[in-house]
Every structure is written in C-alpha cells, then in structure tokens.
Amino acid sequence: MSMDNFGLFYQFHFYLFGIIAIVSAVTFVTRRSPVAAAMWLIVTMFCLAAEYVMLDAQFIAAMQVLLYAGAIMVIFLFVIMLLNLGEASDITDVRGIGGKLLAGFVGLILIAEVGVLTRTGIPSGKYVVARDFLSQQLATYGAVGAVARPLYRDYSLAFELTSVLLLVAIAGAVILGRKESSSAR
C-alpha cells in the first residue's frame, strides 16, 4: 500500500468513525429503552477511541475504552438494572431479518479491513492532525504525563466535580431503588 493510498485509507476511516459516532450518539438520545441507549453510548465511546488512535493519541484511546466504555458504562447498566428500567424485550434495537443482515454486513466489512491491514502492513509515515503540539508534549512529559498534567493541574476542578456528580448519581439511584422496593411490600 503506497503512502498516498494509506492517506486515503486513513482519511476515509477517520470520517467513517466520526459519522458512526455522530449517528450512534443521535441513536443513543432517541432510544426509549435505557439498556439499548446505554449500548449505543458504548458504540459512541468506541468510535471516539478509534478517532483518538487516528490522531496518534493511543493512551487517551485506551483510557477512553477502559474508563468510559468499560467502567462507567458498567456502572450505568448496574443502575439501570437496579432501578429495573429495562424490559427483557427492550435489550436490543435490532428487530427482524433486515437489522441482522445489516449487522452481519458491517461485521464482514470490519473483518475485511483488518485483513487488508494485516496483509499489507501499516507504513511508517504518520498522518497526525496536531503533530507538533503532541510531539512536544510527549517529548516533555511522556505519554502518561501529557494526559495527567493538564487533567490534574489545569482541569482538576472539573475532574473532581465529575467524580462527585457520578457518586451522587449512583447514590440517588440506590435511594430511588430502595424506596421503590420498600413500597412494593
């Protein structure tokens, strides 16, 4: 694969993951089932992680998958199950043969793309949007320091407020769940 073809390959996938992230975010907002909405939010998080990988920010992508698509979404699903907001029939949005065929087709396309990358290899040239800034930050602070320094120094108030907000949301869900179960007796 030549460098020009790789640039087109990169650009195509950058826009593809961006479009999938936007569509899945809109689908997340429009779902009636909280379980299905949470699953669409996970798709959005994975697409954002793919965008981070294409911006050569692998550490942020890994944190996106581990923290948001992993830990935070497990907490959201736990709260949904605790409140018993979802019905067993509402877990999936894919109904009928058309949705299953579309899901299978998308899966085959992704497998084919992995096969192309495995067969041809990734060229050594990098296509990065914010290359100069990222290179300077990585050279100065390292991969973890480039993320941790602004997070804990410049944005520490927002970081702490977010953690308190998540804690209050979980405590509120537990309180709502207990009131509902005690009134059912």
Foldseek 3Di string as FASTA:
>chain_A
DDPVVVVVVLVVLLVVLVVLLVVLQVVLVPAPFPLQSLVSVLSNLLSVLVNCVLQVLNVVSVCSCCPPSNPVSVLSVVLCVLQVRGDPVRNHPDDDDVSVVVVVVVVVVVVVVVVVCVVPPDDPDHDHDPVVVVVVLCVVQNSVGSVVVCVCPVVVVVVVVVVVVSVVVSVVSNVSSVVVVVVVD
